[in-house]
Amino acid sequence: MQISVQEALAQLKNVDTPFAELFQHGTLSIEIYQPVGQDLQTPHERDEVYIVISGTGEFINGDQQTSFQPGDFLFVPAGVAHRFVNFSDDFTTWVIFYGPKGGEKA
């Protein structure tokens, strides 16, 4: 299976949300996410990973804040408040949800 960035962006144009689910297998869910202006997401029930496709900005993950750029890997445990801030207009990221509700055990 392969999904290109171009295919993912084309699917995103067909929905009224800043994200589109592209693939699901067991507990694994792959999305593309492209917020406009601000990131309004709330904590999620499962662990998640972001892999930045394009753009730069800052990422708030719980009580930590860091800069991000294309290619960066960002991990968020289930239930932790997080959001992207001060991001460029071209910001786009893969989103990978996995595991059980409540997250995996450490």
PDB file of N, CA and C in Angstrom:
ATOM      1  N   MET A   1       0.856  -1.188   0.000  1.00  0.00           N
ATOM      2  CA  MET A   1       0.000   0.000   0.000  1.00  0.00           C
ATOM      3  C   MET A   1       0.886   1.229   0.000  1.00  0.00           C
ATOM      4  N   GLN A   2       0.488   2.215  -0.746  1.00  0.00           N
ATOM      5  CA  GLN A   2       1.215   3.479  -0.796  1.00  0.00           C
ATOM      6  C   GLN A   2       0.212   4.615  -0.951  1.00  0.00           C
ATOM      7  N   ILE A   3       0.438   5.684  -0.219  1.00  0.00           N
ATOM      8  CA  ILE A   3      -0.362   6.900  -0.352  1.00  0.00           C
ATOM      9  C   ILE A   3       0.608   8.056  -0.489  1.00  0.00           C
ATOM     10  N   SER A   4       0.538   8.749  -1.596  1.00  0.00           N
ATOM     11  CA  SER A   4       1.423   9.900  -1.794  1.00  0.00           C
ATOM     12  C   SER A   4       0.834  11.132  -1.110  1.00  0.00           C
ATOM     13  N   VAL A   5       1.676  12.110  -0.880  1.00  0.00           N
ATOM     14  CA  VAL A   5       1.207  13.373  -0.320  1.00  0.00           C
ATOM     15  C   VAL A   5       0.169  13.992  -1.249  1.00  0.00           C
ATOM     16  N   GLN A   6       0.395  13.914  -2.537  1.00  0.00           N
ATOM     17  CA  GLN A   6      -0.542  14.491  -3.501  1.00  0.00           C
ATOM     18  C   GLN A   6      -1.909  13.819  -3.419  1.00  0.00           C
ATOM     19  N   GLU A   7      -1.928  12.480  -3.301  1.00  0.00           N
ATOM     20  CA  GLU A   7      -3.197  11.760  -3.156  1.00  0.00           C
ATOM     21  C   GLU A   7      -3.902  12.159  -1.858  1.00  0.00           C
ATOM     22  N   ALA A   8      -3.128  12.277  -0.781  1.00  0.00           N
ATOM     23  CA  ALA A   8      -3.705  12.638   0.512  1.00  0.00           C
ATOM     24  C   ALA A   8      -4.314  14.032   0.460  1.00  0.00           C
ATOM     25  N   LEU A   9      -3.610  14.976  -0.144  1.00  0.00           N
ATOM     26  CA  LEU A   9      -4.127  16.344  -0.254  1.00  0.00           C
ATOM     27  C   LEU A   9      -5.382  16.389  -1.127  1.00  0.00           C
ATOM     28  N   ALA A  10      -5.434  15.566  -2.162  1.00  0.00           N
ATOM     29  CA  ALA A  10      -6.624  15.512  -3.011  1.00  0.00           C
ATOM     30  C   ALA A  10      -7.823  15.013  -2.208  1.00  0.00           C
ATOM     31  N   GLN A  11      -7.617  14.029  -1.334  1.00  0.00           N
ATOM     32  CA  GLN A  11      -8.712  13.527  -0.500  1.00  0.00           C
ATOM     33  C   GLN A  11      -9.138  14.573   0.522  1.00  0.00           C
ATOM     34  N   LEU A  12      -8.191  15.345   1.012  1.00  0.00           N
ATOM     35  CA  LEU A  12      -8.500  16.393   1.984  1.00  0.00           C
ATOM     36  C   LEU A  12      -9.415  17.455   1.379  1.00  0.00           C
ATOM     37  N   LYS A  13      -9.288  17.701   0.091  1.00  0.00           N
ATOM     38  CA  LYS A  13     -10.139  18.696  -0.581  1.00  0.00           C
ATOM     39  C   LYS A  13     -11.604  18.260  -0.630  1.00  0.00           C
ATOM     40  N   ASN A  14     -11.860  16.969  -0.424  1.00  0.00           N
ATOM     41  CA  ASN A  14     -13.221  16.438  -0.514  1.00  0.00           C
ATOM     42  C   ASN A  14     -13.973  16.433   0.813  1.00  0.00           C
ATOM     43  N   VAL A  15     -13.357  16.965   1.881  1.00  0.00           N
ATOM     44  CA  VAL A  15     -14.007  16.988   3.198  1.00  0.00           C
ATOM     45  C   VAL A  15     -14.072  18.411   3.725  1.00  0.00           C
ATOM     46  N   ASP A  16     -14.945  18.634   4.687  1.00  0.00           N
ATOM     47  CA  ASP A  16     -15.123  19.967   5.269  1.00  0.00           C
ATOM     48  C   ASP A  16     -14.384  20.125   6.591  1.00  0.00           C
ATOM     49  N   THR A  17     -13.377  19.305   6.811  1.00  0.00           N
ATOM     50  CA  THR A  17     -12.583  19.359   8.031  1.00  0.00           C
ATOM     51  C   THR A  17     -11.116  19.554   7.655  1.00  0.00           C
ATOM     52  N   PRO A  18     -10.263  19.944   8.613  1.00  0.00           N
ATOM     53  CA  PRO A  18      -8.843  20.110   8.296  1.00  0.00           C
ATOM     54  C   PRO A  18      -8.078  18.788   8.271  1.00  0.00           C
ATOM     55  N   PHE A  19      -8.784  17.661   8.397  1.00  0.00           N
ATOM     56  CA  PHE A  19      -8.137  16.346   8.373  1.00  0.00           C
ATOM     57  C   PHE A  19      -8.968  15.377   7.550  1.00  0.00           C
ATOM     58  N   ALA A  20      -8.296  14.343   7.057  1.00  0.00           N
ATOM     59  CA  ALA A  20      -8.988  13.276   6.332  1.00  0.00           C
ATOM     60  C   ALA A  20      -8.329  11.958   6.688  1.00  0.00           C
ATOM     61  N   GLU A  21      -9.152  10.970   7.056  1.00  0.00           N
ATOM     62  CA  GLU A  21      -8.610   9.634   7.306  1.00  0.00           C
ATOM     63  C   GLU A  21      -8.338   8.976   5.962  1.00  0.00           C
ATOM     64  N   LEU A  22      -7.149   8.400   5.826  1.00  0.00           N
ATOM     65  CA  LEU A  22      -6.717   7.832   4.560  1.00  0.00           C
ATOM     66  C   LEU A  22      -6.603   6.316   4.588  1.00  0.00           C
ATOM     67  N   PHE A  23      -6.364   5.778   5.781  1.00  0.00           N
ATOM     68  CA  PHE A  23      -6.117   4.340   5.888  1.00  0.00           C
ATOM     69  C   PHE A  23      -6.415   3.899   7.310  1.00  0.00           C
ATOM     70  N   GLN A  24      -6.962   2.658   7.429  1.00  0.00           N
ATOM     71  CA  GLN A  24      -7.197   2.084   8.749  1.00  0.00           C
ATOM     72  C   GLN A  24      -6.927   0.587   8.686  1.00  0.00           C
ATOM     73  N   HIS A  25      -6.263   0.085   9.717  1.00  0.00           N
ATOM     74  CA  HIS A  25      -5.966  -1.341   9.818  1.00  0.00           C
ATOM     75  C   HIS A  25      -5.822  -1.668  11.297  1.00  0.00           C
ATOM     76  N   GLY A  26      -6.732  -2.462  11.846  1.00  0.00           N
ATOM     77  CA  GLY A  26      -6.707  -2.738  13.284  1.00  0.00           C
ATOM     78  C   GLY A  26      -6.838  -1.432  14.051  1.00  0.00           C
ATOM     79  N   THR A  27      -5.912  -1.179  14.964  1.00  0.00           N
ATOM     80  CA  THR A  27      -5.956   0.068  15.746  1.00  0.00           C
ATOM     81  C   THR A  27      -5.240   1.213  15.037  1.00  0.00           C
ATOM     82  N   LEU A  28      -4.603   0.928  13.914  1.00  0.00           N
ATOM     83  CA  LEU A  28      -3.845   1.946  13.181  1.00  0.00           C
ATOM     84  C   LEU A  28      -4.760   2.783  12.304  1.00  0.00           C
ATOM     85  N   SER A  29      -4.623   4.103  12.412  1.00  0.00           N
ATOM     86  CA  SER A  29      -5.370   5.034  11.564  1.00  0.00           C
ATOM     87  C   SER A  29      -4.399   6.094  11.070  1.00  0.00           C
ATOM     88  N   ILE A  30      -4.388   6.321   9.762  1.00  0.00           N
ATOM     89  CA  ILE A  30      -3.506   7.312   9.152  1.00  0.00           C
ATOM     90  C   ILE A  30      -4.365   8.440   8.591  1.00  0.00           C
ATOM     91  N   GLU A  31      -3.994   9.672   8.944  1.00  0.00           N
ATOM     92  CA  GLU A  31      -4.704  10.858   8.460  1.00  0.00           C
ATOM     93  C   GLU A  31      -3.717  11.860   7.910  1.00  0.00           C
ATOM     94  N   ILE A  32      -4.236  12.804   7.175  1.00  0.00           N
ATOM     95  CA  ILE A  32      -3.495  13.995   6.814  1.00  0.00           C
ATOM     96  C   ILE A  32      -4.201  15.155   7.510  1.00  0.00           C
ATOM     97  N   TYR A  33      -3.416  16.105   8.004  1.00  0.00           N
ATOM     98  CA  TYR A  33      -3.964  17.222   8.777  1.00  0.00           C
ATOM     99  C   TYR A  33      -3.357  18.515   8.264  1.00  0.00           C
ATOM    100  N   GLN A  34      -4.235  19.488   7.964  1.00  0.00           N
ATOM    101  CA  GLN A  34      -3.804  20.780   7.432  1.00  0.00           C
ATOM    102  C   GLN A  34      -4.714  21.878   7.995  1.00  0.00           C
ATOM    103  N   PRO A  35      -4.425  22.312   9.236  1.00  0.00           N
ATOM    104  CA  PRO A  35      -5.261  23.369   9.819  1.00  0.00           C
ATOM    105  C   PRO A  35      -5.026  24.699   9.103  1.00  0.00           C
ATOM    106  N   VAL A  36      -6.039  25.540   9.119  1.00  0.00           N
ATOM    107  CA  VAL A  36      -5.940  26.865   8.497  1.00  0.00           C
ATOM    108  C   VAL A  36      -6.088  27.915   9.599  1.00  0.00           C
ATOM    109  N   GLY A  37      -5.070  28.738   9.787  1.00  0.00           N
ATOM    110  CA  GLY A  37      -5.137  29.826  10.757  1.00  0.00           C
ATOM    111  C   GLY A  37      -4.806  29.428  12.169  1.00  0.00           C
ATOM    112  N   GLN A  38      -5.574  28.465  12.710  1.00  0.00           N
ATOM    113  CA  GLN A  38      -5.291  27.997  14.064  1.00  0.00           C
ATOM    114  C   GLN A  38      -5.649  26.525  14.205  1.00  0.00           C
ATOM    115  N   ASP A  39      -5.026  25.894  15.174  1.00  0.00           N
ATOM    116  CA  ASP A  39      -5.242  24.481  15.452  1.00  0.00           C
ATOM    117  C   ASP A  39      -6.203  24.383  16.629  1.00  0.00           C
ATOM    118  N   LEU A  40      -7.394  23.863  16.401  1.00  0.00           N
ATOM    119  CA  LEU A  40      -8.434  23.806  17.422  1.00  0.00           C
ATOM    120  C   LEU A  40      -8.622  22.414  18.024  1.00  0.00           C
ATOM    121  N   GLN A  41      -7.699  21.501  17.776  1.00  0.00           N
ATOM    122  CA  GLN A  41      -7.911  20.141  18.247  1.00  0.00           C
ATOM    123  C   GLN A  41      -7.853  20.033  19.774  1.00  0.00           C
ATOM    124  N   THR A  42      -8.495  19.002  20.268  1.00  0.00           N
ATOM    125  CA  THR A  42      -8.527  18.698  21.693  1.00  0.00           C
ATOM    126  C   THR A  42      -7.786  17.373  21.917  1.00  0.00           C
ATOM    127  N   PRO A  43      -7.481  17.011  23.176  1.00  0.00           N
ATOM    128  CA  PRO A  43      -6.765  15.755  23.415  1.00  0.00           C
ATOM    129  C   PRO A  43      -7.495  14.558  22.808  1.00  0.00           C
ATOM    130  N   HIS A  44      -6.708  13.571  22.395  1.00  0.00           N
ATOM    131  CA  HIS A  44      -7.245  12.370  21.762  1.00  0.00           C
ATOM    132  C   HIS A  44      -7.190  11.189  22.716  1.00  0.00           C
ATOM    133  N   GLU A  45      -8.024  10.195  22.464  1.00  0.00           N
ATOM    134  CA  GLU A  45      -8.126   9.020  23.331  1.00  0.00           C
ATOM    135  C   GLU A  45      -7.005   8.011  23.129  1.00  0.00           C
ATOM    136  N   ARG A  46      -6.295   8.112  21.995  1.00  0.00           N
ATOM    137  CA  ARG A  46      -5.238   7.143  21.687  1.00  0.00           C
ATOM    138  C   ARG A  46      -3.912   7.856  21.497  1.00  0.00           C
ATOM    139  N   ASP A  47      -2.819   7.107  21.610  1.00  0.00           N
ATOM    140  CA  ASP A  47      -1.504   7.657  21.319  1.00  0.00           C
ATOM    141  C   ASP A  47      -1.466   8.100  19.867  1.00  0.00           C
ATOM    142  N   GLU A  48      -0.652   9.123  19.598  1.00  0.00           N
ATOM    143  CA  GLU A  48      -0.546   9.567  18.212  1.00  0.00           C
ATOM    144  C   GLU A  48       0.842  10.084  17.893  1.00  0.00           C
ATOM    145  N   VAL A  49       1.150  10.014  16.618  1.00  0.00           N
ATOM    146  CA  VAL A  49       2.418  10.488  16.083  1.00  0.00           C
ATOM    147  C   VAL A  49       2.109  11.444  14.941  1.00  0.00           C
ATOM    148  N   TYR A  50       2.866  12.531  14.872  1.00  0.00           N
ATOM    149  CA  TYR A  50       2.819  13.437  13.723  1.00  0.00           C
ATOM    150  C   TYR A  50       4.159  13.338  13.011  1.00  0.00           C
ATOM    151  N   ILE A  51       4.122  13.325  11.690  1.00  0.00           N
ATOM    152  CA  ILE A  51       5.333  13.456  10.882  1.00  0.00           C
ATOM    153  C   ILE A  51       5.072  14.623   9.949  1.00  0.00           C
ATOM    154  N   VAL A  52       5.809  15.702  10.152  1.00  0.00           N
ATOM    155  CA  VAL A  52       5.563  16.948   9.433  1.00  0.00           C
ATOM    156  C   VAL A  52       5.948  16.789   7.960  1.00  0.00           C
ATOM    157  N   ILE A  53       5.011  17.104   7.084  1.00  0.00           N
ATOM    158  CA  ILE A  53       5.225  17.042   5.636  1.00  0.00           C
ATOM    159  C   ILE A  53       5.833  18.358   5.151  1.00  0.00           C
ATOM    160  N   SER A  54       5.189  19.463   5.528  1.00  0.00           N
ATOM    161  CA  SER A  54       5.659  20.778   5.080  1.00  0.00           C
ATOM    162  C   SER A  54       5.311  21.826   6.124  1.00  0.00           C
ATOM    163  N   GLY A  55       6.028  22.942   6.056  1.00  0.00           N
ATOM    164  CA  GLY A  55       5.763  24.050   6.957  1.00  0.00           C
ATOM    165  C   GLY A  55       6.625  24.020   8.202  1.00  0.00           C
ATOM    166  N   THR A  56       6.562  25.124   8.917  1.00  0.00           N
ATOM    167  CA  THR A  56       7.300  25.286  10.160  1.00  0.00           C
ATOM    168  C   THR A  56       6.386  25.929  11.187  1.00  0.00           C
ATOM    169  N   GLY A  57       6.781  25.872  12.433  1.00  0.00           N
ATOM    170  CA  GLY A  57       6.011  26.499  13.496  1.00  0.00           C
ATOM    171  C   GLY A  57       6.458  25.985  14.838  1.00  0.00           C
ATOM    172  N   GLU A  58       5.543  26.031  15.786  1.00  0.00           N
ATOM    173  CA  GLU A  58       5.829  25.554  17.128  1.00  0.00           C
ATOM    174  C   GLU A  58       4.757  24.548  17.526  1.00  0.00           C
ATOM    175  N   PHE A  59       5.155  23.604  18.370  1.00  0.00           N
ATOM    176  CA  PHE A  59       4.253  22.546  18.815  1.00  0.00           C
ATOM    177  C   PHE A  59       4.214  22.545  20.331  1.00  0.00           C
ATOM    178  N   ILE A  60       3.005  22.673  20.878  1.00  0.00           N
ATOM    179  CA  ILE A  60       2.794  22.593  22.322  1.00  0.00           C
ATOM    180  C   ILE A  60       2.306  21.187  22.623  1.00  0.00           C
ATOM    181  N   ASN A  61       3.039  20.494  23.495  1.00  0.00           N
ATOM    182  CA  ASN A  61       2.749  19.108  23.853  1.00  0.00           C
ATOM    183  C   ASN A  61       2.766  19.031  25.376  1.00  0.00           C
ATOM    184  N   GLY A  62       1.579  19.131  25.983  1.00  0.00           N
ATOM    185  CA  GLY A  62       1.516  19.204  27.439  1.00  0.00           C
ATOM    186  C   GLY A  62       2.122  20.514  27.901  1.00  0.00           C
ATOM    187  N   ASP A  63       3.143  20.447  28.746  1.00  0.00           N
ATOM    188  CA  ASP A  63       3.791  21.664  29.232  1.00  0.00           C
ATOM    189  C   ASP A  63       5.085  21.985  28.483  1.00  0.00           C
ATOM    190  N   GLN A  64       5.331  21.296  27.373  1.00  0.00           N
ATOM    191  CA  GLN A  64       6.534  21.554  26.575  1.00  0.00           C
ATOM    192  C   GLN A  64       6.166  22.231  25.264  1.00  0.00           C
ATOM    193  N   GLN A  65       7.051  23.113  24.788  1.00  0.00           N
ATOM    194  CA  GLN A  65       6.858  23.765  23.496  1.00  0.00           C
ATOM    195  C   GLN A  65       8.167  23.675  22.722  1.00  0.00           C
ATOM    196  N   THR A  66       8.074  23.296  21.452  1.00  0.00           N
ATOM    197  CA  THR A  66       9.251  23.125  20.624  1.00  0.00           C
ATOM    198  C   THR A  66       8.959  23.606  19.207  1.00  0.00           C
ATOM    199  N   SER A  67       9.992  23.947  18.479  1.00  0.00           N
ATOM    200  CA  SER A  67       9.848  24.310  17.064  1.00  0.00           C
ATOM    201  C   SER A  67       9.806  23.036  16.233  1.00  0.00           C
ATOM    202  N   PHE A  68       9.145  23.109  15.067  1.00  0.00           N
ATOM    203  CA  PHE A  68       9.132  21.959  14.163  1.00  0.00           C
ATOM    204  C   PHE A  68       9.393  22.410  12.739  1.00  0.00           C
ATOM    205  N   GLN A  69       9.816  21.454  11.917  1.00  0.00           N
ATOM    206  CA  GLN A  69      10.092  21.683  10.498  1.00  0.00           C
ATOM    207  C   GLN A  69       9.793  20.401   9.729  1.00  0.00           C
ATOM    208  N   PRO A  70       9.802  20.439   8.405  1.00  0.00           N
ATOM    209  CA  PRO A  70       9.500  19.243   7.617  1.00  0.00           C
ATOM    210  C   PRO A  70      10.403  18.070   7.999  1.00  0.00           C
ATOM    211  N   GLY A  71       9.775  16.905   8.109  1.00  0.00           N
ATOM    212  CA  GLY A  71      10.491  15.687   8.447  1.00  0.00           C
ATOM    213  C   GLY A  71      10.492  15.367   9.927  1.00  0.00           C
ATOM    214  N   ASP A  72      10.107  16.319  10.782  1.00  0.00           N
ATOM    215  CA  ASP A  72      10.129  16.075  12.220  1.00  0.00           C
ATOM    216  C   ASP A  72       9.061  15.061  12.635  1.00  0.00           C
ATOM    217  N   PHE A  73       9.404  14.278  13.658  1.00  0.00           N
ATOM    218  CA  PHE A  73       8.545  13.279  14.279  1.00  0.00           C
ATOM    219  C   PHE A  73       8.132  13.832  15.637  1.00  0.00           C
ATOM    220  N   LEU A  74       6.829  13.850  15.916  1.00  0.00           N
ATOM    221  CA  LEU A  74       6.302  14.365  17.179  1.00  0.00           C
ATOM    222  C   LEU A  74       5.372  13.315  17.776  1.00  0.00           C
ATOM    223  N   PHE A  75       5.594  12.940  19.041  1.00  0.00           N
ATOM    224  CA  PHE A  75       4.775  11.939  19.711  1.00  0.00           C
ATOM    225  C   PHE A  75       3.936  12.596  20.794  1.00  0.00           C
ATOM    226  N   VAL A  76       2.654  12.200  20.874  1.00  0.00           N
ATOM    227  CA  VAL A  76       1.743  12.695  21.902  1.00  0.00           C
ATOM    228  C   VAL A  76       1.053  11.501  22.566  1.00  0.00           C
ATOM    229  N   PRO A  77       1.262  11.316  23.876  1.00  0.00           N
ATOM    230  CA  PRO A  77       0.534  10.249  24.568  1.00  0.00           C
ATOM    231  C   PRO A  77      -0.962  10.543  24.614  1.00  0.00           C
ATOM    232  N   ALA A  78      -1.757   9.512  24.690  1.00  0.00           N
ATOM    233  CA  ALA A  78      -3.212   9.657  24.781  1.00  0.00           C
ATOM    234  C   ALA A  78      -3.582  10.594  25.922  1.00  0.00           C
ATOM    235  N   GLY A  79      -4.550  11.472  25.666  1.00  0.00           N
ATOM    236  CA  GLY A  79      -5.092  12.349  26.691  1.00  0.00           C
ATOM    237  C   GLY A  79      -4.322  13.630  26.958  1.00  0.00           C
ATOM    238  N   VAL A  80      -3.172  13.833  26.324  1.00  0.00           N
ATOM    239  CA  VAL A  80      -2.365  15.025  26.572  1.00  0.00           C
ATOM    240  C   VAL A  80      -2.821  16.166  25.654  1.00  0.00           C
ATOM    241  N   ALA A  81      -3.051  17.338  26.236  1.00  0.00           N
ATOM    242  CA  ALA A  81      -3.416  18.521  25.451  1.00  0.00           C
ATOM    243  C   ALA A  81      -2.227  18.915  24.577  1.00  0.00           C
ATOM    244  N   HIS A  82      -2.502  19.206  23.323  1.00  0.00           N
ATOM    245  CA  HIS A  82      -1.433  19.582  22.384  1.00  0.00           C
ATOM    246  C   HIS A  82      -2.030  20.390  21.241  1.00  0.00           C
ATOM    247  N   ARG A  83      -1.155  21.165  20.584  1.00  0.00           N
ATOM    248  CA  ARG A  83      -1.600  21.922  19.411  1.00  0.00           C
ATOM    249  C   ARG A  83      -0.408  22.534  18.700  1.00  0.00           C
ATOM    250  N   PHE A  84      -0.632  22.843  17.437  1.00  0.00           N
ATOM    251  CA  PHE A  84       0.358  23.540  16.630  1.00  0.00           C
ATOM    252  C   PHE A  84       0.043  25.029  16.695  1.00  0.00           C
ATOM    253  N   VAL A  85       1.070  25.859  16.879  1.00  0.00           N
ATOM    254  CA  VAL A  85       0.883  27.312  16.947  1.00  0.00           C
ATOM    255  C   VAL A  85       1.937  27.999  16.081  1.00  0.00           C
ATOM    256  N   ASN A  86       1.625  29.221  15.714  1.00  0.00           N
ATOM    257  CA  ASN A  86       2.561  30.042  14.923  1.00  0.00           C
ATOM    258  C   ASN A  86       3.093  29.290  13.700  1.00  0.00           C
ATOM    259  N   PHE A  87       2.207  28.527  13.048  1.00  0.00           N
ATOM    260  CA  PHE A  87       2.649  27.719  11.908  1.00  0.00           C
ATOM    261  C   PHE A  87       2.470  28.464  10.591  1.00  0.00           C
ATOM    262  N   SER A  88       3.314  28.108   9.636  1.00  0.00           N
ATOM    263  CA  SER A  88       3.276  28.726   8.314  1.00  0.00           C
ATOM    264  C   SER A  88       2.043  28.262   7.541  1.00  0.00           C
ATOM    265  N   ASP A  89       1.670  29.031   6.527  1.00  0.00           N
ATOM    266  CA  ASP A  89       0.474  28.739   5.733  1.00  0.00           C
ATOM    267  C   ASP A  89       0.545  27.396   5.005  1.00  0.00           C
ATOM    268  N   ASP A  90       1.752  26.895   4.779  1.00  0.00           N
ATOM    269  CA  ASP A  90       1.906  25.634   4.051  1.00  0.00           C
ATOM    270  C   ASP A  90       2.017  24.424   4.983  1.00  0.00           C
ATOM    271  N   PHE A  91       1.699  24.597   6.256  1.00  0.00           N
ATOM    272  CA  PHE A  91       1.838  23.490   7.214  1.00  0.00           C
ATOM    273  C   PHE A  91       0.883  22.346   6.897  1.00  0.00           C
ATOM    274  N   THR A  92       1.452  21.148   6.801  1.00  0.00           N
ATOM    275  CA  THR A  92       0.706  19.910   6.593  1.00  0.00           C
ATOM    276  C   THR A  92       1.456  18.791   7.304  1.00  0.00           C
ATOM    277  N   THR A  93       0.715  17.862   7.903  1.00  0.00           N
ATOM    278  CA  THR A  93       1.365  16.761   8.607  1.00  0.00           C
ATOM    279  C   THR A  93       0.589  15.454   8.451  1.00  0.00           C
ATOM    280  N   TRP A  94       1.322  14.338   8.467  1.00  0.00           N
ATOM    281  CA  TRP A  94       0.709  13.035   8.609  1.00  0.00           C
ATOM    282  C   TRP A  94       0.335  12.888  10.076  1.00  0.00           C
ATOM    283  N   VAL A  95      -0.763  12.193  10.352  1.00  0.00           N
ATOM    284  CA  VAL A  95      -1.177  11.878  11.713  1.00  0.00           C
ATOM    285  C   VAL A  95      -1.351  10.369  11.785  1.00  0.00           C
ATOM    286  N   ILE A  96      -0.740   9.761  12.797  1.00  0.00           N
ATOM    287  CA  ILE A  96      -0.813   8.320  12.976  1.00  0.00           C
ATOM    288  C   ILE A  96      -1.375   8.041  14.364  1.00  0.00           C
ATOM    289  N   PHE A  97      -2.578   7.498  14.421  1.00  0.00           N
ATOM    290  CA  PHE A  97      -3.190   7.065  15.679  1.00  0.00           C
ATOM    291  C   PHE A  97      -3.010   5.554  15.784  1.00  0.00           C
ATOM    292  N   TYR A  98      -2.763   5.084  17.011  1.00  0.00           N
ATOM    293  CA  TYR A  98      -2.618   3.640  17.187  1.00  0.00           C
ATOM    294  C   TYR A  98      -2.881   3.247  18.640  1.00  0.00           C
ATOM    295  N   GLY A  99      -3.101   1.974  18.834  1.00  0.00           N
ATOM    296  CA  GLY A  99      -3.245   1.426  20.176  1.00  0.00           C
ATOM    297  C   GLY A  99      -4.636   1.597  20.759  1.00  0.00           C
ATOM    298  N   PRO A 100      -4.790   1.161  21.997  1.00  0.00           N
ATOM    299  CA  PRO A 100      -6.100   1.203  22.653  1.00  0.00           C
ATOM    300  C   PRO A 100      -6.447   2.597  23.179  1.00  0.00           C
ATOM    301  N   LYS A 101      -7.718   2.821  23.462  1.00  0.00           N
ATOM    302  CA  LYS A 101      -8.124   4.044  24.130  1.00  0.00           C
ATOM    303  C   LYS A 101      -7.383   4.116  25.451  1.00  0.00           C
ATOM    304  N   GLY A 102      -6.906   5.314  25.790  1.00  0.00           N
ATOM    305  CA  GLY A 102      -6.118   5.484  27.005  1.00  0.00           C
ATOM    306  C   GLY A 102      -4.633   5.340  26.765  1.00  0.00           C
ATOM    307  N   GLY A 103      -4.254   4.888  25.575  1.00  0.00           N
ATOM    308  CA  GLY A 103      -2.835   4.761  25.224  1.00  0.00           C
ATOM    309  C   GLY A 103      -2.229   3.442  25.654  1.00  0.00           C
ATOM    310  N   GLU A 104      -1.049   3.181  25.123  1.00  0.00           N
ATOM    311  CA  GLU A 104      -0.324   1.971  25.481  1.00  0.00           C
ATOM    312  C   GLU A 104       0.390   2.158  26.807  1.00  0.00           C
ATOM    313  N   LYS A 105       0.631   1.082  27.508  1.00  0.00           N
ATOM    314  CA  LYS A 105       1.360   1.130  28.772  1.00  0.00           C
ATOM    315  C   LYS A 105       2.836   1.410  28.489  1.00  0.00           C
ATOM    316  N   ALA A 106       3.464   2.166  29.355  1.00  0.00           N
ATOM    317  CA  ALA A 106       4.895   2.493  29.182  1.00  0.00           C
ATOM    318  C   ALA A 106       5.746   1.264  29.387  1.00  0.00           C
TER     319      ALA A 106
END
